[in-house]
N, C-alpha and C. Protein backbone atom coordinates (compact mmCIF):
# COMPACT_ATOMS: atom_id res chain seq x y z
N MET A 1 -9.05 3.99 2.25
CA MET A 1 -9.48 4.99 1.30
C MET A 1 -9.60 4.37 -0.08
N SER A 2 -10.44 3.37 -0.18
CA SER A 2 -10.57 2.63 -1.42
C SER A 2 -11.15 3.46 -2.55
N GLU A 3 -11.75 4.60 -2.25
CA GLU A 3 -12.32 5.43 -3.29
C GLU A 3 -11.28 6.41 -3.87
N ALA A 4 -10.06 6.32 -3.42
CA ALA A 4 -9.03 7.26 -3.86
C ALA A 4 -8.79 7.14 -5.35
N CYS A 5 -8.72 8.29 -6.01
CA CYS A 5 -8.54 8.29 -7.46
C CYS A 5 -7.21 7.70 -7.87
N CYS A 6 -6.22 7.89 -7.08
CA CYS A 6 -4.88 7.46 -7.47
C CYS A 6 -4.70 5.95 -7.41
N GLU A 7 -5.64 5.24 -6.79
CA GLU A 7 -5.54 3.79 -6.76
C GLU A 7 -5.82 3.20 -8.14
N LEU A 8 -6.32 4.01 -9.06
CA LEU A 8 -6.61 3.53 -10.40
C LEU A 8 -5.38 3.49 -11.29
N HIS A 9 -4.28 4.05 -10.82
CA HIS A 9 -3.08 4.15 -11.63
C HIS A 9 -2.05 3.13 -11.18
N PRO A 10 -1.25 2.62 -12.11
CA PRO A 10 -0.25 1.62 -11.74
C PRO A 10 0.80 2.22 -10.81
N PRO A 11 1.35 1.40 -9.91
CA PRO A 11 2.35 1.92 -8.98
C PRO A 11 3.66 2.26 -9.67
N VAL A 12 4.37 3.20 -9.11
CA VAL A 12 5.70 3.55 -9.57
C VAL A 12 6.67 3.22 -8.45
N THR A 13 7.93 3.13 -8.77
CA THR A 13 8.91 2.79 -7.75
C THR A 13 9.92 3.91 -7.60
N CYS A 14 10.62 3.92 -6.49
CA CYS A 14 11.72 4.87 -6.29
C CYS A 14 12.77 4.24 -5.39
N GLY A 15 13.03 3.03 -5.60
CA GLY A 15 14.12 2.44 -4.80
C GLY A 15 13.72 1.20 -4.08
N PRO A 16 14.10 1.03 -2.86
CA PRO A 16 14.09 1.99 -1.78
C PRO A 16 15.23 3.00 -1.92
N ALA A 17 14.89 4.25 -1.82
CA ALA A 17 15.88 5.31 -1.94
C ALA A 17 15.69 6.33 -0.83
N LYS A 18 16.80 6.85 -0.37
CA LYS A 18 16.77 7.88 0.68
C LYS A 18 17.11 9.23 0.07
N CYS A 19 16.47 10.25 0.60
CA CYS A 19 16.74 11.62 0.15
C CYS A 19 18.22 11.91 0.37
N PRO A 20 18.90 12.44 -0.64
CA PRO A 20 20.32 12.72 -0.50
C PRO A 20 20.62 13.85 0.49
N THR A 21 19.62 14.62 0.88
CA THR A 21 19.84 15.72 1.81
C THR A 21 19.51 15.33 3.26
N CYS A 22 18.35 14.70 3.48
CA CYS A 22 17.93 14.39 4.86
C CYS A 22 17.95 12.91 5.19
N ALA A 23 18.15 12.06 4.22
CA ALA A 23 18.24 10.60 4.38
C ALA A 23 16.90 9.93 4.70
N ALA A 24 15.78 10.64 4.57
CA ALA A 24 14.47 10.02 4.77
C ALA A 24 14.13 9.16 3.56
N LEU A 25 13.42 8.07 3.80
CA LEU A 25 13.01 7.19 2.72
C LEU A 25 12.00 7.90 1.84
N GLY A 26 12.21 7.85 0.54
CA GLY A 26 11.34 8.55 -0.39
C GLY A 26 10.07 7.78 -0.70
N LYS A 27 9.07 8.52 -1.17
CA LYS A 27 7.80 7.95 -1.60
C LYS A 27 7.76 8.03 -3.13
N PRO A 28 7.40 6.94 -3.81
CA PRO A 28 7.37 6.97 -5.27
C PRO A 28 6.37 7.99 -5.82
N VAL A 29 6.76 8.67 -6.87
CA VAL A 29 5.86 9.56 -7.60
C VAL A 29 6.04 9.33 -9.09
N ALA A 30 4.99 9.58 -9.84
CA ALA A 30 5.02 9.40 -11.28
C ALA A 30 5.62 10.62 -11.97
N ARG A 31 6.15 10.39 -13.14
CA ARG A 31 6.73 11.48 -13.95
C ARG A 31 5.71 12.59 -14.21
N ILE A 32 4.44 12.22 -14.39
CA ILE A 32 3.40 13.21 -14.66
C ILE A 32 3.28 14.22 -13.53
N THR A 33 3.55 13.78 -12.30
CA THR A 33 3.49 14.69 -11.15
C THR A 33 4.55 15.77 -11.29
N LEU A 34 5.78 15.35 -11.58
CA LEU A 34 6.85 16.33 -11.77
C LEU A 34 6.54 17.26 -12.93
N GLY A 35 6.10 16.67 -14.05
CA GLY A 35 5.83 17.46 -15.25
C GLY A 35 4.75 18.50 -15.06
N SER A 36 3.82 18.24 -14.16
CA SER A 36 2.74 19.20 -13.97
C SER A 36 3.03 20.24 -12.90
N LEU A 37 3.97 19.95 -11.98
CA LEU A 37 4.18 20.86 -10.86
C LEU A 37 5.51 21.59 -10.85
N ILE A 38 6.46 21.12 -11.62
CA ILE A 38 7.73 21.84 -11.72
C ILE A 38 7.49 23.09 -12.56
N LYS A 39 8.07 24.20 -12.16
CA LYS A 39 7.91 25.45 -12.92
C LYS A 39 8.31 25.22 -14.37
N PRO A 40 7.57 25.82 -15.30
CA PRO A 40 7.84 25.60 -16.73
C PRO A 40 9.30 25.82 -17.13
N ASP A 41 9.94 26.83 -16.56
CA ASP A 41 11.33 27.09 -16.95
C ASP A 41 12.32 26.08 -16.37
N GLN A 42 11.84 25.18 -15.52
CA GLN A 42 12.70 24.16 -14.92
C GLN A 42 12.41 22.75 -15.45
N ARG A 43 11.36 22.59 -16.23
CA ARG A 43 10.96 21.25 -16.69
C ARG A 43 12.01 20.57 -17.56
N HIS A 44 12.83 21.35 -18.23
CA HIS A 44 13.87 20.75 -19.07
C HIS A 44 14.87 19.95 -18.24
N ARG A 45 14.88 20.18 -16.94
CA ARG A 45 15.79 19.47 -16.04
C ARG A 45 15.26 18.11 -15.59
N ILE A 46 14.00 17.78 -15.92
CA ILE A 46 13.46 16.47 -15.53
C ILE A 46 14.20 15.41 -16.34
N PRO A 47 14.93 14.52 -15.67
CA PRO A 47 15.70 13.52 -16.40
C PRO A 47 14.81 12.43 -16.99
N PRO A 48 15.30 11.73 -18.00
CA PRO A 48 14.52 10.62 -18.56
C PRO A 48 14.35 9.51 -17.52
N GLY A 49 13.38 8.67 -17.76
CA GLY A 49 13.14 7.54 -16.87
C GLY A 49 11.84 7.70 -16.11
N LYS A 50 11.57 6.73 -15.27
CA LYS A 50 10.30 6.70 -14.55
C LYS A 50 10.47 6.67 -13.04
N GLU A 51 11.68 6.58 -12.55
CA GLU A 51 11.89 6.43 -11.12
C GLU A 51 12.16 7.77 -10.45
N PHE A 52 11.13 8.27 -9.73
CA PHE A 52 11.25 9.53 -9.02
C PHE A 52 10.73 9.33 -7.60
N CYS A 53 11.29 10.07 -6.66
CA CYS A 53 10.90 9.97 -5.26
C CYS A 53 10.50 11.34 -4.73
N PHE A 54 9.60 11.32 -3.77
CA PHE A 54 9.12 12.52 -3.08
C PHE A 54 9.65 12.48 -1.66
N CYS A 55 10.25 13.57 -1.20
CA CYS A 55 10.73 13.67 0.18
C CYS A 55 9.66 14.36 1.01
N ARG A 56 9.20 13.68 2.07
CA ARG A 56 8.12 14.19 2.92
C ARG A 56 8.62 14.99 4.12
N THR A 57 9.92 15.08 4.32
CA THR A 57 10.46 15.73 5.51
C THR A 57 10.23 17.25 5.47
N PRO A 58 9.46 17.79 6.43
CA PRO A 58 9.17 19.23 6.40
C PRO A 58 10.40 20.13 6.42
N SER A 59 11.43 19.76 7.16
CA SER A 59 12.61 20.62 7.28
C SER A 59 13.59 20.49 6.11
N CYS A 60 13.33 19.58 5.18
CA CYS A 60 14.22 19.37 4.03
C CYS A 60 13.70 20.16 2.83
N ASP A 61 14.57 20.85 2.15
CA ASP A 61 14.21 21.68 1.01
C ASP A 61 13.98 20.86 -0.26
N VAL A 62 14.49 19.62 -0.30
CA VAL A 62 14.34 18.76 -1.48
C VAL A 62 12.90 18.25 -1.54
N VAL A 63 12.29 18.33 -2.72
CA VAL A 63 10.94 17.80 -2.92
C VAL A 63 11.02 16.50 -3.72
N TYR A 64 11.73 16.51 -4.85
CA TYR A 64 11.86 15.33 -5.69
C TYR A 64 13.32 14.94 -5.85
N PHE A 65 13.56 13.64 -5.82
CA PHE A 65 14.93 13.15 -5.97
C PHE A 65 14.92 11.77 -6.60
N ARG A 66 16.10 11.33 -6.95
CA ARG A 66 16.38 9.97 -7.38
C ARG A 66 17.44 9.45 -6.43
N PRO A 67 17.68 8.16 -6.42
CA PRO A 67 18.75 7.66 -5.54
C PRO A 67 20.04 8.44 -5.75
N ASN A 68 20.56 9.01 -4.68
CA ASN A 68 21.81 9.77 -4.67
C ASN A 68 21.79 11.05 -5.50
N GLU A 69 20.62 11.56 -5.84
CA GLU A 69 20.57 12.75 -6.69
C GLU A 69 19.36 13.62 -6.36
N ALA A 70 19.61 14.79 -5.78
CA ALA A 70 18.54 15.76 -5.55
C ALA A 70 18.17 16.36 -6.89
N LEU A 71 16.90 16.36 -7.22
CA LEU A 71 16.46 16.88 -8.51
C LEU A 71 15.81 18.25 -8.41
N PHE A 72 14.81 18.37 -7.53
CA PHE A 72 14.06 19.61 -7.44
C PHE A 72 13.79 19.98 -5.99
N ARG A 73 13.89 21.27 -5.72
CA ARG A 73 13.66 21.81 -4.38
C ARG A 73 12.36 22.60 -4.37
N LYS A 74 11.94 23.05 -3.21
CA LYS A 74 10.66 23.77 -3.08
C LYS A 74 10.56 24.93 -4.06
N ALA A 75 11.62 25.66 -4.25
CA ALA A 75 11.59 26.83 -5.13
C ALA A 75 11.38 26.46 -6.60
N ASP A 76 11.59 25.20 -6.95
CA ASP A 76 11.42 24.76 -8.33
C ASP A 76 9.98 24.41 -8.67
N LEU A 77 9.11 24.36 -7.68
CA LEU A 77 7.71 23.99 -7.91
C LEU A 77 6.83 25.20 -8.08
N SER A 78 5.74 25.03 -8.81
CA SER A 78 4.81 26.12 -9.04
C SER A 78 3.74 26.23 -7.95
N VAL A 79 3.74 25.29 -7.00
CA VAL A 79 2.78 25.30 -5.89
C VAL A 79 3.52 25.06 -4.58
N PRO A 80 2.97 25.54 -3.46
CA PRO A 80 3.55 25.18 -2.17
C PRO A 80 3.24 23.72 -1.86
N VAL A 81 4.05 23.10 -1.02
CA VAL A 81 3.93 21.67 -0.74
C VAL A 81 3.45 21.45 0.70
N THR A 82 2.31 20.80 0.85
CA THR A 82 1.71 20.56 2.17
C THR A 82 2.72 19.92 3.13
N ALA A 83 3.41 18.89 2.68
CA ALA A 83 4.36 18.18 3.55
C ALA A 83 5.52 19.07 3.98
N LYS A 84 5.84 20.06 3.20
CA LYS A 84 6.96 20.95 3.51
C LYS A 84 6.53 22.15 4.34
N GLU A 85 5.23 22.44 4.36
CA GLU A 85 4.71 23.57 5.13
C GLU A 85 3.50 23.13 5.94
N PRO A 86 3.69 22.17 6.85
CA PRO A 86 2.54 21.58 7.57
C PRO A 86 1.78 22.55 8.47
N ASN A 87 2.37 23.66 8.84
CA ASN A 87 1.69 24.60 9.72
C ASN A 87 1.17 25.85 9.01
N ASN A 88 1.23 25.84 7.69
CA ASN A 88 0.73 26.98 6.92
C ASN A 88 -0.73 26.72 6.55
N PRO A 89 -1.68 27.45 7.14
CA PRO A 89 -3.10 27.17 6.91
C PRO A 89 -3.58 27.52 5.50
N ALA A 90 -2.75 28.21 4.72
CA ALA A 90 -3.15 28.58 3.37
C ALA A 90 -2.66 27.59 2.31
N VAL A 91 -1.80 26.64 2.69
CA VAL A 91 -1.30 25.64 1.74
C VAL A 91 -2.35 24.53 1.62
N PRO A 92 -2.70 24.15 0.40
CA PRO A 92 -3.76 23.15 0.23
C PRO A 92 -3.51 21.83 0.95
N ALA A 93 -4.58 21.32 1.55
CA ALA A 93 -4.58 19.94 2.03
C ALA A 93 -5.08 19.08 0.87
N CYS A 94 -5.95 19.66 0.04
CA CYS A 94 -6.49 19.01 -1.16
C CYS A 94 -6.25 19.94 -2.35
N TYR A 95 -5.38 19.51 -3.23
CA TYR A 95 -5.02 20.34 -4.39
C TYR A 95 -6.09 20.28 -5.48
N CYS A 96 -6.81 19.18 -5.60
CA CYS A 96 -7.81 19.05 -6.66
C CYS A 96 -9.00 20.00 -6.47
N PHE A 97 -9.42 20.16 -5.21
CA PHE A 97 -10.64 20.91 -4.96
C PHE A 97 -10.42 22.15 -4.09
N GLY A 98 -9.16 22.51 -3.84
CA GLY A 98 -8.84 23.76 -3.18
C GLY A 98 -9.11 23.84 -1.69
N TRP A 99 -9.17 22.71 -1.01
CA TRP A 99 -9.40 22.74 0.44
C TRP A 99 -8.09 23.01 1.16
N THR A 100 -8.08 24.06 1.96
CA THR A 100 -6.93 24.39 2.80
C THR A 100 -7.35 24.20 4.26
N PRO A 101 -6.39 24.08 5.18
CA PRO A 101 -6.75 24.04 6.59
C PRO A 101 -7.57 25.27 7.01
N GLU A 102 -7.26 26.40 6.42
CA GLU A 102 -7.98 27.64 6.69
C GLU A 102 -9.45 27.52 6.30
N LYS A 103 -9.70 26.98 5.12
CA LYS A 103 -11.07 26.82 4.62
C LYS A 103 -11.83 25.76 5.44
N ILE A 104 -11.14 24.70 5.83
CA ILE A 104 -11.75 23.66 6.66
C ILE A 104 -12.14 24.24 8.02
N ARG A 105 -11.24 25.00 8.61
CA ARG A 105 -11.50 25.62 9.91
C ARG A 105 -12.69 26.59 9.81
N ALA A 106 -12.78 27.33 8.72
CA ALA A 106 -13.89 28.27 8.54
C ALA A 106 -15.23 27.53 8.43
N GLU A 107 -15.23 26.39 7.74
CA GLU A 107 -16.46 25.60 7.64
C GLU A 107 -16.89 25.10 9.02
N ILE A 108 -15.93 24.62 9.80
CA ILE A 108 -16.23 24.11 11.14
C ILE A 108 -16.75 25.24 12.04
N GLN A 109 -16.15 26.40 11.94
CA GLN A 109 -16.61 27.54 12.75
C GLN A 109 -18.03 27.96 12.36
N ALA A 110 -18.33 27.88 11.07
CA ALA A 110 -19.64 28.31 10.59
C ALA A 110 -20.74 27.27 10.85
N THR A 111 -20.39 25.98 10.79
CA THR A 111 -21.42 24.94 10.85
C THR A 111 -21.28 23.97 12.02
N GLY A 112 -20.12 24.00 12.67
CA GLY A 112 -19.87 23.08 13.78
C GLY A 112 -19.36 21.72 13.35
N LYS A 113 -19.18 21.54 12.05
CA LYS A 113 -18.67 20.26 11.54
C LYS A 113 -17.96 20.48 10.21
N SER A 114 -17.33 19.43 9.73
CA SER A 114 -16.68 19.48 8.42
C SER A 114 -17.31 18.44 7.50
N THR A 115 -17.59 18.85 6.29
CA THR A 115 -18.12 17.94 5.27
C THR A 115 -17.10 17.70 4.17
N VAL A 116 -15.88 18.18 4.37
CA VAL A 116 -14.88 18.14 3.31
C VAL A 116 -14.60 16.72 2.81
N ILE A 117 -14.45 15.77 3.71
CA ILE A 117 -14.11 14.40 3.28
C ILE A 117 -15.25 13.82 2.43
N GLU A 118 -16.48 14.03 2.85
CA GLU A 118 -17.61 13.53 2.06
C GLU A 118 -17.67 14.22 0.70
N GLN A 119 -17.41 15.53 0.68
CA GLN A 119 -17.43 16.26 -0.59
C GLN A 119 -16.35 15.74 -1.54
N ILE A 120 -15.15 15.51 -1.01
CA ILE A 120 -14.06 15.00 -1.85
C ILE A 120 -14.38 13.61 -2.35
N LYS A 121 -14.88 12.74 -1.48
CA LYS A 121 -15.24 11.37 -1.90
C LYS A 121 -16.29 11.40 -3.01
N ALA A 122 -17.25 12.30 -2.92
CA ALA A 122 -18.26 12.42 -3.97
C ALA A 122 -17.63 12.85 -5.29
N GLN A 123 -16.68 13.77 -5.22
CA GLN A 123 -15.99 14.22 -6.44
C GLN A 123 -15.12 13.10 -7.03
N VAL A 124 -14.48 12.32 -6.15
CA VAL A 124 -13.67 11.19 -6.62
C VAL A 124 -14.59 10.19 -7.33
N LYS A 125 -15.71 9.88 -6.71
CA LYS A 125 -16.67 8.94 -7.29
C LYS A 125 -17.17 9.43 -8.65
N ALA A 126 -17.29 10.75 -8.79
CA ALA A 126 -17.74 11.34 -10.05
C ALA A 126 -16.63 11.40 -11.10
N GLY A 127 -15.41 11.02 -10.70
CA GLY A 127 -14.29 11.02 -11.64
C GLY A 127 -13.59 12.35 -11.79
N ASN A 128 -13.75 13.23 -10.82
CA ASN A 128 -13.19 14.58 -10.93
C ASN A 128 -11.88 14.78 -10.19
N CYS A 129 -11.24 13.73 -9.79
CA CYS A 129 -10.00 13.82 -9.02
C CYS A 129 -8.79 13.62 -9.93
N SER A 130 -7.71 14.33 -9.65
CA SER A 130 -6.47 14.14 -10.42
C SER A 130 -5.26 14.38 -9.53
N CYS A 131 -5.24 13.71 -8.39
CA CYS A 131 -4.17 13.90 -7.41
C CYS A 131 -2.77 13.66 -7.99
N GLU A 132 -2.64 12.70 -8.89
CA GLU A 132 -1.32 12.42 -9.43
C GLU A 132 -0.78 13.58 -10.26
N VAL A 133 -1.66 14.49 -10.64
CA VAL A 133 -1.26 15.66 -11.42
C VAL A 133 -1.18 16.91 -10.56
N THR A 134 -2.08 17.08 -9.60
CA THR A 134 -2.16 18.32 -8.84
C THR A 134 -1.48 18.29 -7.48
N ASN A 135 -1.34 17.12 -6.87
CA ASN A 135 -0.78 17.01 -5.52
C ASN A 135 0.71 16.70 -5.61
N PRO A 136 1.57 17.52 -5.02
CA PRO A 136 3.01 17.28 -5.10
C PRO A 136 3.46 15.90 -4.60
N GLN A 137 2.71 15.29 -3.69
CA GLN A 137 3.10 13.96 -3.23
C GLN A 137 2.68 12.89 -4.23
N GLY A 138 1.93 13.27 -5.26
CA GLY A 138 1.60 12.38 -6.35
C GLY A 138 0.57 11.32 -6.02
N SER A 139 -0.13 11.48 -4.92
CA SER A 139 -1.12 10.48 -4.53
C SER A 139 -2.30 11.16 -3.84
N CYS A 140 -3.27 10.36 -3.48
CA CYS A 140 -4.50 10.85 -2.87
C CYS A 140 -4.23 11.73 -1.65
N CYS A 141 -5.00 12.78 -1.54
CA CYS A 141 -4.82 13.76 -0.46
C CYS A 141 -5.69 13.50 0.76
N LEU A 142 -6.54 12.48 0.74
CA LEU A 142 -7.49 12.30 1.84
C LEU A 142 -6.82 12.18 3.21
N GLY A 143 -5.63 11.61 3.27
CA GLY A 143 -4.90 11.55 4.54
C GLY A 143 -4.56 12.94 5.03
N ASN A 144 -4.08 13.80 4.13
CA ASN A 144 -3.77 15.18 4.49
C ASN A 144 -5.02 15.92 4.94
N VAL A 145 -6.12 15.69 4.24
CA VAL A 145 -7.38 16.36 4.58
C VAL A 145 -7.88 15.89 5.94
N ALA A 146 -7.82 14.59 6.19
CA ALA A 146 -8.27 14.06 7.48
C ALA A 146 -7.45 14.65 8.63
N ARG A 147 -6.14 14.78 8.43
CA ARG A 147 -5.29 15.40 9.47
C ARG A 147 -5.69 16.86 9.68
N ALA A 148 -5.96 17.58 8.59
CA ALA A 148 -6.36 18.99 8.70
C ALA A 148 -7.68 19.13 9.43
N VAL A 149 -8.62 18.22 9.17
CA VAL A 149 -9.91 18.25 9.85
C VAL A 149 -9.72 17.99 11.34
N GLN A 150 -8.94 16.97 11.68
CA GLN A 150 -8.70 16.66 13.10
C GLN A 150 -8.03 17.82 13.82
N LYS A 151 -7.08 18.45 13.17
CA LYS A 151 -6.40 19.60 13.77
C LYS A 151 -7.38 20.76 13.97
N ALA A 152 -8.24 21.00 12.98
CA ALA A 152 -9.21 22.09 13.08
C ALA A 152 -10.25 21.81 14.18
N LEU A 153 -10.53 20.54 14.40
CA LEU A 153 -11.47 20.17 15.46
C LEU A 153 -10.81 20.15 16.83
N GLY A 154 -9.49 20.37 16.85
CA GLY A 154 -8.75 20.40 18.10
C GLY A 154 -8.45 19.02 18.66
N ARG A 155 -8.35 18.03 17.79
CA ARG A 155 -8.07 16.66 18.23
C ARG A 155 -6.65 16.27 17.96
């Protein structure tokens, strides 16, 4: 996915660190991700520094953490999290352009195919992507979208 918008940003680190609740290895996320998605009344709790991790485990309530420290849970975010609600068809697969599994499935039912990946790539190429700000995982959503398309196609 070389056209991913988030590849333009420098990498961040989070350890290696494991979620203090489920012990899954965290994925690095930038401070801007937390700042844009944590509910406004909870943003004062974002600690200083640059090392933040995202927990991808669906059954774990923790979304963002640091080594040995749970920082924010699902209820602290202003958006639902795809990784935490993988079977909810209304939760975005693509936060930048509003594609949900429900919307993808509707396109496939209406046309027999999905054009979502091509549409997103065109928007990325046009410079209209901001996954590090809108997507709770802090990175490109094309993997999530591709999984949603495959599921909608029954594969």
